[in-house]
Amino acid sequence: TVPLNPRVCRVTALPAPSDRERTQWYFQRYVAHLPSAGEMVLFDRSWYNRAGVERVMGFCSDDEYREFLRACPEFERMLIRSGITLIKYWFSVSDEEQEKRFKERINTPIKRWKFSPMDLQSRSRWVEYSRAKDDMFTYTDTEDCPWFVVDADDKRRARLNCISHLLGKVPYEAIHYEPITLPPIKTEGYERPPLTSQHFVPDVTAALESDKHGQ
């Protein structure tokens, strides 16, 4: 998403439902975030929370879970019939790579925020999560809207392969921008105040560069 216009491409990662949202039709709060023509929405987990973490952690009842498996394929067919392009990706990571990433999150200060109590639960419930994923694929990997699995042990290759696949699934045209000539800046009648009158942030990079070259 980095080079894309956030007005037409956005990421949606919904938090846990509120008390009010828990009384709604399950798909209701996701519908509000669906794209209009010319827009793209990347759902982080999306409605499949119910088939994964909610199922394993007991955040939904057995009846709610079974109803999701029945309703989800039809819900997705409705979206497709309405003209929405719906593409589902599952990023698959090996046990060894997951172990490596968890340790990096724990031991690297800038990544520590990524590690949550839910990560600990996912390790202790590995079998349950694996079974939930298998059941999810059984019911929702349909001919109308299949799951596409991305080998994600190598993050860079996973991103490139996913982007390439996505571009092959979405019809698009190159955007041709009109040439723009920047007008000259007119400075007549304006005089900048002296730099000494302003409070500048200290330049620590010079010292860092000096230490780097000194080493």
C-alpha atoms as a PDB file:
ATOM      1  CA  THR A   1       0.000   0.000   0.000  1.00  0.00           C
ATOM      2  CA  VAL A   2       2.977   2.354   0.458  1.00  0.00           C
ATOM      3  CA  PRO A   3       2.964   3.880  -3.063  1.00  0.00           C
ATOM      4  CA  LEU A   4      -0.833   3.897  -3.361  1.00  0.00           C
ATOM      5  CA  ASN A   5      -3.250   6.745  -2.797  1.00  0.00           C
ATOM      6  CA  PRO A   6      -4.834   6.214   0.667  1.00  0.00           C
ATOM      7  CA  ARG A   7      -8.032   7.830  -0.608  1.00  0.00           C
ATOM      8  CA  VAL A   8      -8.683   4.827  -2.853  1.00  0.00           C
ATOM      9  CA  CYS A   9      -6.701   2.073  -1.129  1.00  0.00           C
ATOM     10  CA  ARG A  10      -7.025   1.527   2.600  1.00  0.00           C
ATOM     11  CA  VAL A  11      -6.310  -1.145   5.184  1.00  0.00           C
ATOM     12  CA  THR A  12      -9.096  -2.188   7.539  1.00  0.00           C
ATOM     13  CA  ALA A  13      -8.279  -4.090  10.727  1.00  0.00           C
ATOM     14  CA  LEU A  14     -11.306  -3.999  12.994  1.00  0.00           C
ATOM     15  CA  PRO A  15     -10.889  -4.299  16.785  1.00  0.00           C
ATOM     16  CA  ALA A  16     -12.913  -6.626  18.966  1.00  0.00           C
ATOM     17  CA  PRO A  17     -16.648  -5.945  18.552  1.00  0.00           C
ATOM     18  CA  SER A  18     -18.398  -3.649  20.992  1.00  0.00           C
ATOM     19  CA  ASP A  19     -21.373  -4.777  23.071  1.00  0.00           C
ATOM     20  CA  ARG A  20     -23.663  -3.187  20.486  1.00  0.00           C
ATOM     21  CA  GLU A  21     -21.893  -4.828  17.554  1.00  0.00           C
ATOM     22  CA  ARG A  22     -22.190  -8.231  19.217  1.00  0.00           C
ATOM     23  CA  THR A  23     -25.969  -7.954  18.839  1.00  0.00           C
ATOM     24  CA  GLN A  24     -25.735  -7.277  15.084  1.00  0.00           C
ATOM     25  CA  TRP A  25     -25.688  -9.641  12.140  1.00  0.00           C
ATOM     26  CA  TYR A  26     -22.110 -10.922  12.150  1.00  0.00           C
ATOM     27  CA  PHE A  27     -21.151  -9.524   8.745  1.00  0.00           C
ATOM     28  CA  GLN A  28     -22.821  -6.154   9.378  1.00  0.00           C
ATOM     29  CA  ARG A  29     -19.820  -4.207  10.631  1.00  0.00           C
ATOM     30  CA  TYR A  30     -17.659  -5.484   7.780  1.00  0.00           C
ATOM     31  CA  VAL A  31     -20.175  -4.402   5.145  1.00  0.00           C
ATOM     32  CA  ALA A  32     -19.709  -0.772   6.208  1.00  0.00           C
ATOM     33  CA  HIS A  33     -16.056  -0.974   5.082  1.00  0.00           C
ATOM     34  CA  LEU A  34     -16.599  -2.524   1.653  1.00  0.00           C
ATOM     35  CA  PRO A  35     -15.192  -0.553  -1.311  1.00  0.00           C
ATOM     36  CA  SER A  36     -17.025   1.516  -3.871  1.00  0.00           C
ATOM     37  CA  ALA A  37     -16.110   1.553  -7.571  1.00  0.00           C
ATOM     38  CA  GLY A  38     -12.423   2.331  -8.083  1.00  0.00           C
ATOM     39  CA  GLU A  39     -11.517   1.614  -4.453  1.00  0.00           C
ATOM     40  CA  MET A  40      -9.535  -1.174  -2.824  1.00  0.00           C
ATOM     41  CA  VAL A  41      -9.849  -2.361   0.769  1.00  0.00           C
ATOM     42  CA  LEU A  42      -7.338  -4.741   2.338  1.00  0.00           C
ATOM     43  CA  PHE A  43      -9.030  -6.535   5.229  1.00  0.00           C
ATOM     44  CA  ASP A  44      -6.657  -7.748   7.905  1.00  0.00           C
ATOM     45  CA  ARG A  45      -8.255 -11.124   8.789  1.00  0.00           C
ATOM     46  CA  SER A  46     -11.713  -9.736   7.962  1.00  0.00           C
ATOM     47  CA  TRP A  47     -14.772 -11.805   8.833  1.00  0.00           C
ATOM     48  CA  TYR A  48     -12.586 -14.893   9.066  1.00  0.00           C
ATOM     49  CA  ASN A  49     -11.822 -13.971  12.668  1.00  0.00           C
ATOM     50  CA  ARG A  50     -14.843 -16.114  13.492  1.00  0.00           C
ATOM     51  CA  ALA A  51     -13.380 -19.194  11.833  1.00  0.00           C
ATOM     52  CA  GLY A  52      -9.987 -18.706  13.498  1.00  0.00           C
ATOM     53  CA  VAL A  53      -9.311 -16.905  16.744  1.00  0.00           C
ATOM     54  CA  GLU A  54     -12.967 -16.686  17.835  1.00  0.00           C
ATOM     55  CA  ARG A  55     -13.440 -20.413  17.290  1.00  0.00           C
ATOM     56  CA  VAL A  56     -10.227 -21.468  19.024  1.00  0.00           C
ATOM     57  CA  MET A  57     -10.426 -19.029  21.929  1.00  0.00           C
ATOM     58  CA  GLY A  58     -14.120 -19.612  22.590  1.00  0.00           C
ATOM     59  CA  PHE A  59     -15.161 -16.048  21.730  1.00  0.00           C
ATOM     60  CA  CYS A  60     -18.205 -17.383  19.828  1.00  0.00           C
ATOM     61  CA  SER A  61     -20.620 -20.209  20.487  1.00  0.00           C
ATOM     62  CA  ASP A  62     -20.735 -23.455  18.516  1.00  0.00           C
ATOM     63  CA  ASP A  63     -24.020 -22.343  16.926  1.00  0.00           C
ATOM     64  CA  GLU A  64     -22.500 -19.004  15.856  1.00  0.00           C
ATOM     65  CA  TYR A  65     -19.494 -20.811  14.400  1.00  0.00           C
ATOM     66  CA  ARG A  66     -21.599 -23.307  12.430  1.00  0.00           C
ATOM     67  CA  GLU A  67     -23.829 -20.509  11.136  1.00  0.00           C
ATOM     68  CA  PHE A  68     -20.728 -18.661   9.934  1.00  0.00           C
ATOM     69  CA  LEU A  69     -19.547 -21.678   7.943  1.00  0.00           C
ATOM     70  CA  ARG A  70     -22.985 -21.955   6.334  1.00  0.00           C
ATOM     71  CA  ALA A  71     -23.448 -18.249   5.648  1.00  0.00           C
ATOM     72  CA  CYS A  72     -19.944 -17.186   4.625  1.00  0.00           C
ATOM     73  CA  PRO A  73     -19.832 -18.780   1.134  1.00  0.00           C
ATOM     74  CA  GLU A  74     -23.234 -17.317   0.266  1.00  0.00           C
ATOM     75  CA  PHE A  75     -22.252 -13.902   1.658  1.00  0.00           C
ATOM     76  CA  GLU A  76     -19.166 -13.907  -0.545  1.00  0.00           C
ATOM     77  CA  ARG A  77     -21.157 -14.975  -3.592  1.00  0.00           C
ATOM     78  CA  MET A  78     -23.482 -12.026  -2.949  1.00  0.00           C
ATOM     79  CA  LEU A  79     -20.516  -9.657  -2.929  1.00  0.00           C
ATOM     80  CA  ILE A  80     -19.187 -11.098  -6.178  1.00  0.00           C
ATOM     81  CA  ARG A  81     -22.592 -10.896  -7.860  1.00  0.00           C
ATOM     82  CA  SER A  82     -22.793  -7.227  -6.836  1.00  0.00           C
ATOM     83  CA  GLY A  83     -19.606  -6.520  -8.829  1.00  0.00           C
ATOM     84  CA  ILE A  84     -17.052  -6.565  -6.015  1.00  0.00           C
ATOM     85  CA  THR A  85     -13.791  -8.367  -6.774  1.00  0.00           C
ATOM     86  CA  LEU A  86     -13.088 -10.519  -3.729  1.00  0.00           C
ATOM     87  CA  ILE A  87      -9.670 -12.176  -3.381  1.00  0.00           C
ATOM     88  CA  LYS A  88      -8.590 -14.159  -0.315  1.00  0.00           C
ATOM     89  CA  TYR A  89      -4.950 -14.776   0.622  1.00  0.00           C
ATOM     90  CA  TRP A  90      -3.597 -17.060   3.306  1.00  0.00           C
ATOM     91  CA  PHE A  91       0.045 -16.392   4.187  1.00  0.00           C
ATOM     92  CA  SER A  92       1.538 -19.720   5.205  1.00  0.00           C
ATOM     93  CA  VAL A  93       4.538 -19.733   7.559  1.00  0.00           C
ATOM     94  CA  SER A  94       6.457 -22.819   8.670  1.00  0.00           C
ATOM     95  CA  ASP A  95       6.765 -23.714  12.348  1.00  0.00           C
ATOM     96  CA  GLU A  96      10.490 -22.970  12.259  1.00  0.00           C
ATOM     97  CA  GLU A  97       9.995 -19.512  10.777  1.00  0.00           C
ATOM     98  CA  GLN A  98       7.190 -18.698  13.203  1.00  0.00           C
ATOM     99  CA  GLU A  99       9.466 -19.656  16.085  1.00  0.00           C
ATOM    100  CA  LYS A 100      12.181 -17.372  14.707  1.00  0.00           C
ATOM    101  CA  ARG A 101       9.783 -14.438  14.329  1.00  0.00           C
ATOM    102  CA  PHE A 102       8.382 -14.844  17.829  1.00  0.00           C
ATOM    103  CA  LYS A 103      11.885 -14.768  19.293  1.00  0.00           C
ATOM    104  CA  GLU A 104      12.720 -11.649  17.260  1.00  0.00           C
ATOM    105  CA  ARG A 105       9.619  -9.941  18.603  1.00  0.00           C
ATOM    106  CA  ILE A 106      10.583 -10.799  22.166  1.00  0.00           C
ATOM    107  CA  ASN A 107      14.265  -9.878  21.921  1.00  0.00           C
ATOM    108  CA  THR A 108      14.172  -6.853  19.596  1.00  0.00           C
ATOM    109  CA  PRO A 109      13.024  -3.625  21.301  1.00  0.00           C
ATOM    110  CA  ILE A 110      11.505  -2.098  18.164  1.00  0.00           C
ATOM    111  CA  LYS A 111       9.495  -5.273  17.523  1.00  0.00           C
ATOM    112  CA  ARG A 112       8.473  -6.038  21.111  1.00  0.00           C
ATOM    113  CA  TRP A 113       5.102  -4.294  20.659  1.00  0.00           C
ATOM    114  CA  LYS A 114       4.161  -6.922  18.063  1.00  0.00           C
ATOM    115  CA  PHE A 115       4.185  -9.713  20.623  1.00  0.00           C
ATOM    116  CA  SER A 116       0.878 -10.063  22.432  1.00  0.00           C
ATOM    117  CA  PRO A 117      -0.640 -12.454  24.968  1.00  0.00           C
ATOM    118  CA  MET A 118      -2.579 -13.906  22.036  1.00  0.00           C
ATOM    119  CA  ASP A 119       0.734 -15.057  20.525  1.00  0.00           C
ATOM    120  CA  LEU A 120       1.368 -17.147  23.626  1.00  0.00           C
ATOM    121  CA  GLN A 121      -2.108 -18.618  23.326  1.00  0.00           C
ATOM    122  CA  SER A 122      -1.545 -19.451  19.647  1.00  0.00           C
ATOM    123  CA  ARG A 123       1.552 -21.476  20.555  1.00  0.00           C
ATOM    124  CA  SER A 124      -0.186 -23.478  23.245  1.00  0.00           C
ATOM    125  CA  ARG A 125      -3.189 -24.035  20.962  1.00  0.00           C
ATOM    126  CA  TRP A 126      -1.261 -24.847  17.772  1.00  0.00           C
ATOM    127  CA  VAL A 127      -3.258 -28.012  17.045  1.00  0.00           C
ATOM    128  CA  GLU A 128      -6.596 -26.254  17.546  1.00  0.00           C
ATOM    129  CA  TYR A 129      -5.585 -23.400  15.230  1.00  0.00           C
ATOM    130  CA  SER A 130      -4.409 -25.872  12.592  1.00  0.00           C
ATOM    131  CA  ARG A 131      -7.683 -27.778  12.724  1.00  0.00           C
ATOM    132  CA  ALA A 132      -9.678 -24.546  12.587  1.00  0.00           C
ATOM    133  CA  LYS A 133      -7.751 -23.465   9.470  1.00  0.00           C
ATOM    134  CA  ASP A 134      -8.352 -26.853   7.822  1.00  0.00           C
ATOM    135  CA  ASP A 135     -12.082 -26.699   8.596  1.00  0.00           C
ATOM    136  CA  MET A 136     -12.244 -23.111   7.340  1.00  0.00           C
ATOM    137  CA  PHE A 137     -10.715 -24.118   4.019  1.00  0.00           C
ATOM    138  CA  THR A 138     -13.087 -27.091   3.731  1.00  0.00           C
ATOM    139  CA  TYR A 139     -16.153 -24.852   3.920  1.00  0.00           C
ATOM    140  CA  THR A 140     -14.967 -21.581   2.356  1.00  0.00           C
ATOM    141  CA  ASP A 141     -12.417 -22.545  -0.313  1.00  0.00           C
ATOM    142  CA  THR A 142     -15.088 -22.432  -3.003  1.00  0.00           C
ATOM    143  CA  GLU A 143     -14.981 -22.351  -6.775  1.00  0.00           C
ATOM    144  CA  ASP A 144     -16.585 -18.895  -6.720  1.00  0.00           C
ATOM    145  CA  CYS A 145     -14.108 -17.502  -4.190  1.00  0.00           C
ATOM    146  CA  PRO A 146     -11.085 -19.738  -3.574  1.00  0.00           C
ATOM    147  CA  TRP A 147      -8.306 -19.273  -1.056  1.00  0.00           C
ATOM    148  CA  PHE A 148      -4.875 -18.475  -2.501  1.00  0.00           C
ATOM    149  CA  VAL A 149      -2.009 -19.679  -0.331  1.00  0.00           C
ATOM    150  CA  VAL A 150       1.202 -17.633  -0.240  1.00  0.00           C
ATOM    151  CA  ASP A 151       4.439 -19.248   0.912  1.00  0.00           C
ATOM    152  CA  ALA A 152       5.486 -16.563   3.384  1.00  0.00           C
ATOM    153  CA  ASP A 153       8.668 -17.801   5.041  1.00  0.00           C
ATOM    154  CA  ASP A 154      10.560 -15.217   2.979  1.00  0.00           C
ATOM    155  CA  LYS A 155       8.650 -11.950   3.518  1.00  0.00           C
ATOM    156  CA  ARG A 156      10.081 -10.149   0.497  1.00  0.00           C
ATOM    157  CA  ARG A 157       9.296 -12.977  -1.907  1.00  0.00           C
ATOM    158  CA  ALA A 158       5.873 -13.395  -0.344  1.00  0.00           C
ATOM    159  CA  ARG A 159       5.037  -9.726  -0.942  1.00  0.00           C
ATOM    160  CA  LEU A 160       6.283  -9.760  -4.536  1.00  0.00           C
ATOM    161  CA  ASN A 161       4.497 -13.011  -5.367  1.00  0.00           C
ATOM    162  CA  CYS A 162       1.264 -11.775  -3.798  1.00  0.00           C
ATOM    163  CA  ILE A 163       1.428  -8.406  -5.581  1.00  0.00           C
ATOM    164  CA  SER A 164       2.117 -10.127  -8.903  1.00  0.00           C
ATOM    165  CA  HIS A 165      -0.808 -12.504  -8.394  1.00  0.00           C
ATOM    166  CA  LEU A 166      -3.118  -9.683  -7.326  1.00  0.00           C
ATOM    167  CA  LEU A 167      -2.276  -7.628 -10.413  1.00  0.00           C
ATOM    168  CA  GLY A 168      -3.185 -10.627 -12.538  1.00  0.00           C
ATOM    169  CA  LYS A 169      -6.588 -10.851 -10.860  1.00  0.00           C
ATOM    170  CA  VAL A 170      -7.628  -7.191 -10.954  1.00  0.00           C
ATOM    171  CA  PRO A 171      -8.313  -5.391 -14.257  1.00  0.00           C
ATOM    172  CA  TYR A 172      -6.448  -2.102 -14.361  1.00  0.00           C
ATOM    173  CA  GLU A 173      -5.075   0.464 -16.763  1.00  0.00           C
ATOM    174  CA  ALA A 174      -1.953   2.588 -16.578  1.00  0.00           C
ATOM    175  CA  ILE A 175      -2.632   6.130 -15.366  1.00  0.00           C
ATOM    176  CA  HIS A 176      -1.441   8.844 -17.714  1.00  0.00           C
ATOM    177  CA  TYR A 177      -0.855  12.120 -15.913  1.00  0.00           C
ATOM    178  CA  GLU A 178      -0.867  15.450 -17.683  1.00  0.00           C
ATOM    179  CA  PRO A 179       2.557  17.140 -17.655  1.00  0.00           C
ATOM    180  CA  ILE A 180       2.904  19.797 -14.967  1.00  0.00           C
ATOM    181  CA  THR A 181       5.170  22.822 -15.060  1.00  0.00           C
ATOM    182  CA  LEU A 182       5.939  24.293 -11.667  1.00  0.00           C
ATOM    183  CA  PRO A 183       5.510  28.090 -11.662  1.00  0.00           C
ATOM    184  CA  PRO A 184       8.416  30.153 -10.351  1.00  0.00           C
ATOM    185  CA  ILE A 185       8.283  31.282  -6.733  1.00  0.00           C
ATOM    186  CA  LYS A 186       7.849  35.018  -6.405  1.00  0.00           C
ATOM    187  CA  THR A 187       9.808  36.314  -3.421  1.00  0.00           C
ATOM    188  CA  GLU A 188       9.448  40.046  -4.000  1.00  0.00           C
ATOM    189  CA  GLY A 189       8.424  41.895  -0.856  1.00  0.00           C
ATOM    190  CA  TYR A 190       9.317  39.076   1.529  1.00  0.00           C
ATOM    191  CA  GLU A 191      12.392  38.776   3.730  1.00  0.00           C
ATOM    192  CA  ARG A 192      13.016  35.708   5.861  1.00  0.00           C
ATOM    193  CA  PRO A 193      13.697  36.283   9.555  1.00  0.00           C
ATOM    194  CA  PRO A 194      17.237  35.424  10.670  1.00  0.00           C
ATOM    195  CA  LEU A 195      17.810  31.735  11.383  1.00  0.00           C
ATOM    196  CA  THR A 196      19.223  32.638  14.787  1.00  0.00           C
ATOM    197  CA  SER A 197      15.734  33.692  15.869  1.00  0.00           C
ATOM    198  CA  GLN A 198      14.417  30.123  15.467  1.00  0.00           C
ATOM    199  CA  HIS A 199      14.757  27.063  17.687  1.00  0.00           C
ATOM    200  CA  PHE A 200      16.279  24.239  15.640  1.00  0.00           C
ATOM    201  CA  VAL A 201      16.349  20.576  16.626  1.00  0.00           C
ATOM    202  CA  PRO A 202      19.968  19.535  17.331  1.00  0.00           C
ATOM    203  CA  ASP A 203      21.582  17.602  14.493  1.00  0.00           C
ATOM    204  CA  VAL A 204      22.606  14.343  16.154  1.00  0.00           C
ATOM    205  CA  THR A 205      23.212  12.648  12.805  1.00  0.00           C
ATOM    206  CA  ALA A 206      26.530  14.437  12.368  1.00  0.00           C
ATOM    207  CA  ALA A 207      27.852  12.930  15.585  1.00  0.00           C
ATOM    208  CA  LEU A 208      26.506   9.511  14.645  1.00  0.00           C
ATOM    209  CA  GLU A 209      28.192   9.673  11.246  1.00  0.00           C
ATOM    210  CA  SER A 210      31.449  10.795  12.878  1.00  0.00           C
ATOM    211  CA  ASP A 211      31.364   7.869  15.316  1.00  0.00           C
ATOM    212  CA  LYS A 212      30.539   5.468  12.485  1.00  0.00           C
ATOM    213  CA  HIS A 213      33.513   6.582  10.390  1.00  0.00           C
ATOM    214  CA  GLY A 214      35.760   6.665  13.457  1.00  0.00           C
ATOM    215  CA  GLN A 215      35.021   3.016  14.102  1.00  0.00           C
END
